[in-house]
Amino acid sequence: MAQKQKSTTTKTSGSWGFQKILDFVAYIGIACIAIALIFNLIFQKNVNVGNAFRIIGDSIAYILAMIMAAFWVKRKRHIAWLICYIIFVVVIIVMYIIPYCL
């Protein structure tokens, strides 16, 4: 009788899985928000640089929230959760982009 050989796969600390990428992007997002707050404090009259970092940080935070919410919705079985999620995401994207277009 042939024995099945167990394949041992171990995750190395250097591998980049989806969770590690999300964690890193979240880290970059909070770094941008922190830098924006510091620049806005230092350059109170010229907040363009601070605003640029704030926009980047806010965008990353919104995107991460949408991704994490998508995983939550994916676990739900009722279609209403998905419909509401799609509506919420579209509203956030539209309302976030509109001020920059005006």
PDB file of N, CA and C in Angstrom:
ATOM      1  N   MET A   1       0.850  -1.175   0.000  1.00  0.00           N
ATOM      2  CA  MET A   1       0.000   0.000   0.000  1.00  0.00           C
ATOM      3  C   MET A   1       0.897   1.241   0.000  1.00  0.00           C
ATOM      4  N   ALA A   2       0.649   2.074  -0.943  1.00  0.00           N
ATOM      5  CA  ALA A   2       1.467   3.279  -1.069  1.00  0.00           C
ATOM      6  C   ALA A   2       1.010   4.325  -0.073  1.00  0.00           C
ATOM      7  N   GLN A   3       1.964   4.904   0.564  1.00  0.00           N
ATOM      8  CA  GLN A   3       1.645   5.965   1.523  1.00  0.00           C
ATOM      9  C   GLN A   3       1.748   7.310   0.827  1.00  0.00           C
ATOM     10  N   LYS A   4       0.789   8.159   1.158  1.00  0.00           N
ATOM     11  CA  LYS A   4       0.828   9.513   0.605  1.00  0.00           C
ATOM     12  C   LYS A   4       1.854  10.313   1.392  1.00  0.00           C
ATOM     13  N   GLN A   5       2.653  10.986   0.671  1.00  0.00           N
ATOM     14  CA  GLN A   5       3.659  11.799   1.305  1.00  0.00           C
ATOM     15  C   GLN A   5       3.059  13.156   1.637  1.00  0.00           C
ATOM     16  N   LYS A   6       3.234  13.557   2.875  1.00  0.00           N
ATOM     17  CA  LYS A   6       2.698  14.854   3.284  1.00  0.00           C
ATOM     18  C   LYS A   6       3.574  15.957   2.719  1.00  0.00           C
ATOM     19  N   SER A   7       2.898  16.888   2.087  1.00  0.00           N
ATOM     20  CA  SER A   7       3.655  18.032   1.589  1.00  0.00           C
ATOM     21  C   SER A   7       3.618  19.110   2.667  1.00  0.00           C
ATOM     22  N   THR A   8       4.772  19.485   3.061  1.00  0.00           N
ATOM     23  CA  THR A   8       4.858  20.508   4.105  1.00  0.00           C
ATOM     24  C   THR A   8       5.201  21.824   3.453  1.00  0.00           C
ATOM     25  N   THR A   9       4.237  22.680   3.465  1.00  0.00           N
ATOM     26  CA  THR A   9       4.465  24.021   2.944  1.00  0.00           C
ATOM     27  C   THR A   9       4.446  24.990   4.107  1.00  0.00           C
ATOM     28  N   THR A  10       5.500  25.665   4.250  1.00  0.00           N
ATOM     29  CA  THR A  10       5.577  26.659   5.321  1.00  0.00           C
ATOM     30  C   THR A  10       5.694  28.025   4.707  1.00  0.00           C
ATOM     31  N   LYS A  11       5.022  28.939   5.312  1.00  0.00           N
ATOM     32  CA  LYS A  11       5.098  30.317   4.837  1.00  0.00           C
ATOM     33  C   LYS A  11       6.379  30.938   5.374  1.00  0.00           C
ATOM     34  N   THR A  12       7.116  31.498   4.498  1.00  0.00           N
ATOM     35  CA  THR A  12       8.315  32.189   4.930  1.00  0.00           C
ATOM     36  C   THR A  12       7.950  33.608   5.303  1.00  0.00           C
ATOM     37  N   SER A  13       8.763  34.180   6.142  1.00  0.00           N
ATOM     38  CA  SER A  13       8.466  35.537   6.597  1.00  0.00           C
ATOM     39  C   SER A  13       8.617  36.547   5.470  1.00  0.00           C
ATOM     40  N   GLY A  14       9.261  36.167   4.379  1.00  0.00           N
ATOM     41  CA  GLY A  14       9.461  37.082   3.279  1.00  0.00           C
ATOM     42  C   GLY A  14       8.361  37.049   2.237  1.00  0.00           C
ATOM     43  N   SER A  15       7.447  36.100   2.324  1.00  0.00           N
ATOM     44  CA  SER A  15       6.402  36.013   1.315  1.00  0.00           C
ATOM     45  C   SER A  15       5.368  37.108   1.520  1.00  0.00           C
ATOM     46  N   TRP A  16       4.870  37.616   0.415  1.00  0.00           N
ATOM     47  CA  TRP A  16       3.893  38.701   0.460  1.00  0.00           C
ATOM     48  C   TRP A  16       2.526  38.146   0.117  1.00  0.00           C
ATOM     49  N   GLY A  17       1.735  37.867   1.143  1.00  0.00           N
ATOM     50  CA  GLY A  17       0.365  37.442   0.926  1.00  0.00           C
ATOM     51  C   GLY A  17      -0.543  38.657   0.861  1.00  0.00           C
ATOM     52  N   PHE A  18      -1.799  38.396   0.575  1.00  0.00           N
ATOM     53  CA  PHE A  18      -2.769  39.486   0.451  1.00  0.00           C
ATOM     54  C   PHE A  18      -2.880  40.278   1.747  1.00  0.00           C
ATOM     55  N   GLN A  19      -2.897  39.588   2.887  1.00  0.00           N
ATOM     56  CA  GLN A  19      -3.022  40.272   4.180  1.00  0.00           C
ATOM     57  C   GLN A  19      -1.820  41.169   4.451  1.00  0.00           C
ATOM     58  N   LYS A  20      -0.624  40.695   4.115  1.00  0.00           N
ATOM     59  CA  LYS A  20       0.571  41.524   4.330  1.00  0.00           C
ATOM     60  C   LYS A  20       0.552  42.762   3.442  1.00  0.00           C
ATOM     61  N   ILE A  21       0.048  42.611   2.228  1.00  0.00           N
ATOM     62  CA  ILE A  21      -0.043  43.765   1.332  1.00  0.00           C
ATOM     63  C   ILE A  21      -1.044  44.776   1.883  1.00  0.00           C
ATOM     64  N   LEU A  22      -2.199  44.288   2.372  1.00  0.00           N
ATOM     65  CA  LEU A  22      -3.183  45.196   2.982  1.00  0.00           C
ATOM     66  C   LEU A  22      -2.587  45.905   4.193  1.00  0.00           C
ATOM     67  N   ASP A  23      -1.866  45.167   5.009  1.00  0.00           N
ATOM     68  CA  ASP A  23      -1.237  45.769   6.183  1.00  0.00           C
ATOM     69  C   ASP A  23      -0.244  46.857   5.782  1.00  0.00           C
ATOM     70  N   PHE A  24       0.559  46.585   4.749  1.00  0.00           N
ATOM     71  CA  PHE A  24       1.545  47.561   4.302  1.00  0.00           C
ATOM     72  C   PHE A  24       0.880  48.803   3.726  1.00  0.00           C
ATOM     73  N   VAL A  25      -0.173  48.611   2.936  1.00  0.00           N
ATOM     74  CA  VAL A  25      -0.889  49.751   2.365  1.00  0.00           C
ATOM     75  C   VAL A  25      -1.528  50.587   3.473  1.00  0.00           C
ATOM     76  N   ALA A  26      -2.062  49.924   4.499  1.00  0.00           N
ATOM     77  CA  ALA A  26      -2.627  50.656   5.636  1.00  0.00           C
ATOM     78  C   ALA A  26      -1.535  51.462   6.338  1.00  0.00           C
ATOM     79  N   TYR A  27      -0.363  50.878   6.454  1.00  0.00           N
ATOM     80  CA  TYR A  27       0.773  51.580   7.073  1.00  0.00           C
ATOM     81  C   TYR A  27       1.140  52.826   6.266  1.00  0.00           C
ATOM     82  N   ILE A  28       1.195  52.696   4.951  1.00  0.00           N
ATOM     83  CA  ILE A  28       1.495  53.847   4.093  1.00  0.00           C
ATOM     84  C   ILE A  28       0.396  54.898   4.237  1.00  0.00           C
ATOM     85  N   GLY A  29      -0.846  54.464   4.334  1.00  0.00           N
ATOM     86  CA  GLY A  29      -1.968  55.400   4.488  1.00  0.00           C
ATOM     87  C   GLY A  29      -1.866  56.224   5.757  1.00  0.00           C
ATOM     88  N   ILE A  30      -1.577  55.556   6.881  1.00  0.00           N
ATOM     89  CA  ILE A  30      -1.480  56.332   8.121  1.00  0.00           C
ATOM     90  C   ILE A  30      -0.234  57.205   8.123  1.00  0.00           C
ATOM     91  N   ALA A  31       0.814  56.771   7.414  1.00  0.00           N
ATOM     92  CA  ALA A  31       2.008  57.616   7.295  1.00  0.00           C
ATOM     93  C   ALA A  31       1.674  58.891   6.528  1.00  0.00           C
ATOM     94  N   CYS A  32       0.915  58.763   5.448  1.00  0.00           N
ATOM     95  CA  CYS A  32       0.524  59.940   4.657  1.00  0.00           C
ATOM     96  C   CYS A  32      -0.353  60.888   5.473  1.00  0.00           C
ATOM     97  N   ILE A  33      -1.268  60.340   6.235  1.00  0.00           N
ATOM     98  CA  ILE A  33      -2.127  61.181   7.074  1.00  0.00           C
ATOM     99  C   ILE A  33      -1.296  61.905   8.125  1.00  0.00           C
ATOM    100  N   ALA A  34      -0.349  61.198   8.751  1.00  0.00           N
ATOM    101  CA  ALA A  34       0.514  61.828   9.762  1.00  0.00           C
ATOM    102  C   ALA A  34       1.369  62.928   9.144  1.00  0.00           C
ATOM    103  N   ILE A  35       1.945  62.659   7.982  1.00  0.00           N
ATOM    104  CA  ILE A  35       2.764  63.656   7.301  1.00  0.00           C
ATOM    105  C   ILE A  35       1.919  64.867   6.932  1.00  0.00           C
ATOM    106  N   ALA A  36       0.696  64.640   6.474  1.00  0.00           N
ATOM    107  CA  ALA A  36      -0.196  65.745   6.122  1.00  0.00           C
ATOM    108  C   ALA A  36      -0.483  66.621   7.329  1.00  0.00           C
ATOM    109  N   LEU A  37      -0.751  66.005   8.469  1.00  0.00           N
ATOM    110  CA  LEU A  37      -1.019  66.785   9.684  1.00  0.00           C
ATOM    111  C   LEU A  37       0.198  67.583  10.113  1.00  0.00           C
ATOM    112  N   ILE A  38       1.377  66.988   9.998  1.00  0.00           N
ATOM    113  CA  ILE A  38       2.609  67.706  10.368  1.00  0.00           C
ATOM    114  C   ILE A  38       2.836  68.881   9.423  1.00  0.00           C
ATOM    115  N   PHE A  39       2.708  68.650   8.103  1.00  0.00           N
ATOM    116  CA  PHE A  39       2.913  69.728   7.138  1.00  0.00           C
ATOM    117  C   PHE A  39       1.895  70.842   7.309  1.00  0.00           C
ATOM    118  N   ASN A  40       0.654  70.497   7.594  1.00  0.00           N
ATOM    119  CA  ASN A  40      -0.349  71.530   7.817  1.00  0.00           C
ATOM    120  C   ASN A  40      -0.044  72.356   9.051  1.00  0.00           C
ATOM    121  N   LEU A  41       0.556  71.743  10.048  1.00  0.00           N
ATOM    122  CA  LEU A  41       0.927  72.478  11.254  1.00  0.00           C
ATOM    123  C   LEU A  41       2.138  73.372  10.991  1.00  0.00           C
ATOM    124  N   ILE A  42       3.124  72.851  10.283  1.00  0.00           N
ATOM    125  CA  ILE A  42       4.349  73.617  10.022  1.00  0.00           C
ATOM    126  C   ILE A  42       4.090  74.750   9.031  1.00  0.00           C
ATOM    127  N   PHE A  43       3.442  74.428   7.924  1.00  0.00           N
ATOM    128  CA  PHE A  43       3.201  75.413   6.867  1.00  0.00           C
ATOM    129  C   PHE A  43       1.746  75.855   6.915  1.00  0.00           C
ATOM    130  N   GLN A  44       1.391  76.614   7.913  1.00  0.00           N
ATOM    131  CA  GLN A  44      -0.001  76.993   8.108  1.00  0.00           C
ATOM    132  C   GLN A  44      -0.542  77.855   6.978  1.00  0.00           C
ATOM    133  N   LYS A  45       0.305  78.631   6.342  1.00  0.00           N
ATOM    134  CA  LYS A  45      -0.167  79.504   5.262  1.00  0.00           C
ATOM    135  C   LYS A  45      -0.181  78.776   3.920  1.00  0.00           C
ATOM    136  N   ASN A  46       0.725  77.848   3.712  1.00  0.00           N
ATOM    137  CA  ASN A  46       0.788  77.100   2.457  1.00  0.00           C
ATOM    138  C   ASN A  46       0.535  75.626   2.775  1.00  0.00           C
ATOM    139  N   VAL A  47      -0.700  75.203   2.605  1.00  0.00           N
ATOM    140  CA  VAL A  47      -1.080  73.838   2.989  1.00  0.00           C
ATOM    141  C   VAL A  47      -1.183  72.908   1.774  1.00  0.00           C
ATOM    142  N   ASN A  48      -0.631  73.308   0.642  1.00  0.00           N
ATOM    143  CA  ASN A  48      -0.729  72.488  -0.563  1.00  0.00           C
ATOM    144  C   ASN A  48      -0.051  71.132  -0.396  1.00  0.00           C
ATOM    145  N   VAL A  49       1.147  71.128   0.172  1.00  0.00           N
ATOM    146  CA  VAL A  49       1.860  69.861   0.365  1.00  0.00           C
ATOM    147  C   VAL A  49       1.108  68.987   1.361  1.00  0.00           C
ATOM    148  N   GLY A  50       0.658  69.592   2.442  1.00  0.00           N
ATOM    149  CA  GLY A  50      -0.105  68.839   3.434  1.00  0.00           C
ATOM    150  C   GLY A  50      -1.397  68.284   2.861  1.00  0.00           C
ATOM    151  N   ASN A  51      -2.063  69.078   2.032  1.00  0.00           N
ATOM    152  CA  ASN A  51      -3.302  68.618   1.414  1.00  0.00           C
ATOM    153  C   ASN A  51      -3.052  67.457   0.449  1.00  0.00           C
ATOM    154  N   ALA A  52      -1.935  67.484  -0.248  1.00  0.00           N
ATOM    155  CA  ALA A  52      -1.608  66.386  -1.158  1.00  0.00           C
ATOM    156  C   ALA A  52      -1.453  65.077  -0.376  1.00  0.00           C
ATOM    157  N   PHE A  53      -0.728  65.127   0.736  1.00  0.00           N
ATOM    158  CA  PHE A  53      -0.562  63.927   1.564  1.00  0.00           C
ATOM    159  C   PHE A  53      -1.886  63.511   2.195  1.00  0.00           C
ATOM    160  N   ARG A  54      -2.714  64.479   2.561  1.00  0.00           N
ATOM    161  CA  ARG A  54      -4.013  64.152   3.152  1.00  0.00           C
ATOM    162  C   ARG A  54      -4.898  63.437   2.136  1.00  0.00           C
ATOM    163  N   ILE A  55      -4.886  63.911   0.899  1.00  0.00           N
ATOM    164  CA  ILE A  55      -5.686  63.278  -0.148  1.00  0.00           C
ATOM    165  C   ILE A  55      -5.219  61.832  -0.368  1.00  0.00           C
ATOM    166  N   ILE A  56      -3.916  61.628  -0.406  1.00  0.00           N
ATOM    167  CA  ILE A  56      -3.383  60.271  -0.580  1.00  0.00           C
ATOM    168  C   ILE A  56      -3.784  59.385   0.600  1.00  0.00           C
ATOM    169  N   GLY A  57      -3.594  59.891   1.806  1.00  0.00           N
ATOM    170  CA  GLY A  57      -3.944  59.120   2.999  1.00  0.00           C
ATOM    171  C   GLY A  57      -5.425  58.807   3.083  1.00  0.00           C
ATOM    172  N   ASP A  58      -6.254  59.802   2.783  1.00  0.00           N
ATOM    173  CA  ASP A  58      -7.709  59.582   2.790  1.00  0.00           C
ATOM    174  C   ASP A  58      -8.115  58.547   1.745  1.00  0.00           C
ATOM    175  N   SER A  59      -7.521  58.654   0.559  1.00  0.00           N
ATOM    176  CA  SER A  59      -7.848  57.710  -0.511  1.00  0.00           C
ATOM    177  C   SER A  59      -7.503  56.283  -0.103  1.00  0.00           C
ATOM    178  N   ILE A  60      -6.334  56.106   0.469  1.00  0.00           N
ATOM    179  CA  ILE A  60      -5.922  54.776   0.922  1.00  0.00           C
ATOM    180  C   ILE A  60      -6.862  54.266   2.006  1.00  0.00           C
ATOM    181  N   ALA A  61      -7.238  55.137   2.930  1.00  0.00           N
ATOM    182  CA  ALA A  61      -8.149  54.720   4.006  1.00  0.00           C
ATOM    183  C   ALA A  61      -9.507  54.304   3.448  1.00  0.00           C
ATOM    184  N   TYR A  62     -10.027  55.065   2.505  1.00  0.00           N
ATOM    185  CA  TYR A  62     -11.315  54.711   1.894  1.00  0.00           C
ATOM    186  C   TYR A  62     -11.225  53.381   1.143  1.00  0.00           C
ATOM    187  N   ILE A  63     -10.165  53.218   0.375  1.00  0.00           N
ATOM    188  CA  ILE A  63     -10.002  51.989  -0.402  1.00  0.00           C
ATOM    189  C   ILE A  63      -9.881  50.774   0.516  1.00  0.00           C
ATOM    190  N   LEU A  64      -9.092  50.898   1.581  1.00  0.00           N
ATOM    191  CA  LEU A  64      -8.970  49.784   2.532  1.00  0.00           C
ATOM    192  C   LEU A  64     -10.303  49.465   3.191  1.00  0.00           C
ATOM    193  N   ALA A  65     -11.039  50.496   3.555  1.00  0.00           N
ATOM    194  CA  ALA A  65     -12.353  50.263   4.170  1.00  0.00           C
ATOM    195  C   ALA A  65     -13.276  49.551   3.192  1.00  0.00           C
ATOM    196  N   MET A  66     -13.235  49.932   1.919  1.00  0.00           N
ATOM    197  CA  MET A  66     -14.077  49.271   0.922  1.00  0.00           C
ATOM    198  C   MET A  66     -13.670  47.810   0.727  1.00  0.00           C
ATOM    199  N   ILE A  67     -12.377  47.549   0.713  1.00  0.00           N
ATOM    200  CA  ILE A  67     -11.904  46.172   0.546  1.00  0.00           C
ATOM    201  C   ILE A  67     -12.325  45.310   1.733  1.00  0.00           C
ATOM    202  N   MET A  68     -12.119  45.816   2.934  1.00  0.00           N
ATOM    203  CA  MET A  68     -12.475  45.034   4.117  1.00  0.00           C
ATOM    204  C   MET A  68     -13.990  44.825   4.203  1.00  0.00           C
ATOM    205  N   ALA A  69     -14.754  45.832   3.827  1.00  0.00           N
ATOM    206  CA  ALA A  69     -16.212  45.687   3.819  1.00  0.00           C
ATOM    207  C   ALA A  69     -16.645  44.667   2.764  1.00  0.00           C
ATOM    208  N   ALA A  70     -15.930  44.611   1.652  1.00  0.00           N
ATOM    209  CA  ALA A  70     -16.263  43.639   0.606  1.00  0.00           C
ATOM    210  C   ALA A  70     -16.101  42.217   1.128  1.00  0.00           C
ATOM    211  N   PHE A  71     -15.065  41.971   1.907  1.00  0.00           N
ATOM    212  CA  PHE A  71     -14.882  40.639   2.494  1.00  0.00           C
ATOM    213  C   PHE A  71     -16.015  40.313   3.459  1.00  0.00           C
ATOM    214  N   TRP A  72     -16.458  41.298   4.204  1.00  0.00           N
ATOM    215  CA  TRP A  72     -17.570  41.086   5.141  1.00  0.00           C
ATOM    216  C   TRP A  72     -18.846  40.766   4.374  1.00  0.00           C
ATOM    217  N   VAL A  73     -19.109  41.534   3.316  1.00  0.00           N
ATOM    218  CA  VAL A  73     -20.311  41.320   2.507  1.00  0.00           C
ATOM    219  C   VAL A  73     -20.254  39.959   1.819  1.00  0.00           C
ATOM    220  N   LYS A  74     -19.061  39.545   1.405  1.00  0.00           N
ATOM    221  CA  LYS A  74     -18.901  38.260   0.724  1.00  0.00           C
ATOM    222  C   LYS A  74     -19.355  37.096   1.612  1.00  0.00           C
ATOM    223  N   ARG A  75     -19.198  37.221   2.914  1.00  0.00           N
ATOM    224  CA  ARG A  75     -19.604  36.160   3.845  1.00  0.00           C
ATOM    225  C   ARG A  75     -21.106  36.144   4.099  1.00  0.00           C
ATOM    226  N   LYS A  76     -21.808  37.203   3.745  1.00  0.00           N
ATOM    227  CA  LYS A  76     -23.254  37.266   3.951  1.00  0.00           C
ATOM    228  C   LYS A  76     -23.965  36.613   2.775  1.00  0.00           C
ATOM    229  N   ARG A  77     -25.095  36.000   3.054  1.00  0.00           N
ATOM    230  CA  ARG A  77     -25.803  35.263   2.008  1.00  0.00           C
ATOM    231  C   ARG A  77     -26.928  36.069   1.367  1.00  0.00           C
ATOM    232  N   HIS A  78     -27.404  37.091   2.033  1.00  0.00           N
ATOM    233  CA  HIS A  78     -28.550  37.849   1.520  1.00  0.00           C
ATOM    234  C   HIS A  78     -28.071  38.899   0.516  1.00  0.00           C
ATOM    235  N   ILE A  79     -28.767  38.996  -0.591  1.00  0.00           N
ATOM    236  CA  ILE A  79     -28.395  39.909  -1.675  1.00  0.00           C
ATOM    237  C   ILE A  79     -28.500  41.381  -1.270  1.00  0.00           C
ATOM    238  N   ALA A  80     -29.320  41.683  -0.272  1.00  0.00           N
ATOM    239  CA  ALA A  80     -29.485  43.081   0.162  1.00  0.00           C
ATOM    240  C   ALA A  80     -28.177  43.664   0.663  1.00  0.00           C
ATOM    241  N   TRP A  81     -27.354  42.850   1.309  1.00  0.00           N
ATOM    242  CA  TRP A  81     -26.055  43.341   1.791  1.00  0.00           C
ATOM    243  C   TRP A  81     -25.187  43.780   0.614  1.00  0.00           C
ATOM    244  N   LEU A  82     -25.188  42.991  -0.449  1.00  0.00           N
ATOM    245  CA  LEU A  82     -24.385  43.312  -1.625  1.00  0.00           C
ATOM    246  C   LEU A  82     -24.902  44.568  -2.320  1.00  0.00           C
ATOM    247  N   ILE A  83     -26.204  44.682  -2.455  1.00  0.00           N
ATOM    248  CA  ILE A  83     -26.788  45.855  -3.111  1.00  0.00           C
ATOM    249  C   ILE A  83     -26.455  47.125  -2.325  1.00  0.00           C
ATOM    250  N   CYS A  84     -26.624  47.070  -1.020  1.00  0.00           N
ATOM    251  CA  CYS A  84     -26.291  48.236  -0.183  1.00  0.00           C
ATOM    252  C   CYS A  84     -24.807  48.567  -0.280  1.00  0.00           C
ATOM    253  N   TYR A  85     -23.964  47.547  -0.279  1.00  0.00           N
ATOM    254  CA  TYR A  85     -22.518  47.771  -0.384  1.00  0.00           C
ATOM    255  C   TYR A  85     -22.173  48.479  -1.691  1.00  0.00           C
ATOM    256  N   ILE A  86     -22.750  48.023  -2.773  1.00  0.00           N
ATOM    257  CA  ILE A  86     -22.474  48.647  -4.076  1.00  0.00           C
ATOM    258  C   ILE A  86     -22.935  50.106  -4.080  1.00  0.00           C
ATOM    259  N   ILE A  87     -24.100  50.364  -3.532  1.00  0.00           N
ATOM    260  CA  ILE A  87     -24.601  51.742  -3.451  1.00  0.00           C
ATOM    261  C   ILE A  87     -23.671  52.599  -2.610  1.00  0.00           C
ATOM    262  N   PHE A  88     -23.256  52.090  -1.458  1.00  0.00           N
ATOM    263  CA  PHE A  88     -22.360  52.845  -0.578  1.00  0.00           C
ATOM    264  C   PHE A  88     -21.036  53.169  -1.266  1.00  0.00           C
ATOM    265  N   VAL A  89     -20.458  52.190  -1.941  1.00  0.00           N
ATOM    266  CA  VAL A  89     -19.174  52.401  -2.612  1.00  0.00           C
ATOM    267  C   VAL A  89     -19.306  53.429  -3.729  1.00  0.00           C
ATOM    268  N   VAL A  90     -20.364  53.331  -4.513  1.00  0.00           N
ATOM    269  CA  VAL A  90     -20.563  54.291  -5.601  1.00  0.00           C
ATOM    270  C   VAL A  90     -20.738  55.702  -5.049  1.00  0.00           C
ATOM    271  N   VAL A  91     -21.523  55.838  -3.987  1.00  0.00           N
ATOM    272  CA  VAL A  91     -21.728  57.164  -3.377  1.00  0.00           C
ATOM    273  C   VAL A  91     -20.406  57.723  -2.859  1.00  0.00           C
ATOM    274  N   ILE A  92     -19.615  56.899  -2.180  1.00  0.00           N
ATOM    275  CA  ILE A  92     -18.328  57.368  -1.653  1.00  0.00           C
ATOM    276  C   ILE A  92     -17.421  57.819  -2.787  1.00  0.00           C
ATOM    277  N   ILE A  93     -17.328  57.027  -3.836  1.00  0.00           N
ATOM    278  CA  ILE A  93     -16.448  57.379  -4.953  1.00  0.00           C
ATOM    279  C   ILE A  93     -16.916  58.665  -5.621  1.00  0.00           C
ATOM    280  N   VAL A  94     -18.193  58.769  -5.900  1.00  0.00           N
ATOM    281  CA  VAL A  94     -18.715  59.964  -6.571  1.00  0.00           C
ATOM    282  C   VAL A  94     -18.544  61.203  -5.682  1.00  0.00           C
ATOM    283  N   MET A  95     -18.909  61.089  -4.418  1.00  0.00           N
ATOM    284  CA  MET A  95     -18.817  62.248  -3.524  1.00  0.00           C
ATOM    285  C   MET A  95     -17.375  62.618  -3.205  1.00  0.00           C
ATOM    286  N   TYR A  96     -16.467  61.686  -3.315  1.00  0.00           N
ATOM    287  CA  TYR A  96     -15.050  61.984  -3.078  1.00  0.00           C
ATOM    288  C   TYR A  96     -14.423  62.656  -4.294  1.00  0.00           C
ATOM    289  N   ILE A  97     -14.862  62.285  -5.486  1.00  0.00           N
ATOM    290  CA  ILE A  97     -14.280  62.840  -6.709  1.00  0.00           C
ATOM    291  C   ILE A  97     -14.878  64.187  -7.082  1.00  0.00           C
ATOM    292  N   ILE A  98     -16.154  64.412  -6.831  1.00  0.00           N
ATOM    293  CA  ILE A  98     -16.843  65.642  -7.243  1.00  0.00           C
ATOM    294  C   ILE A  98     -16.142  66.919  -6.787  1.00  0.00           C
ATOM    295  N   PRO A  99     -15.723  67.049  -5.521  1.00  0.00           N
ATOM    296  CA  PRO A  99     -15.061  68.307  -5.130  1.00  0.00           C
ATOM    297  C   PRO A  99     -13.799  68.621  -5.905  1.00  0.00           C
ATOM    298  N   TYR A 100     -13.099  67.605  -6.410  1.00  0.00           N
ATOM    299  CA  TYR A 100     -11.875  67.842  -7.155  1.00  0.00           C
ATOM    300  C   TYR A 100     -12.156  68.193  -8.611  1.00  0.00           C
ATOM    301  N   CYS A 101     -13.380  67.911  -9.064  1.00  0.00           N
ATOM    302  CA  CYS A 101     -13.757  68.226 -10.444  1.00  0.00           C
ATOM    303  C   CYS A 101     -14.334  69.637 -10.554  1.00  0.00           C
ATOM    304  N   LEU A 102     -14.779  70.203  -9.462  1.00  0.00           N
ATOM    305  CA  LEU A 102     -15.406  71.533  -9.510  1.00  0.00           C
ATOM    306  C   LEU A 102     -14.372  72.637  -9.449  1.00  0.00           C
TER     307      LEU A 102
END
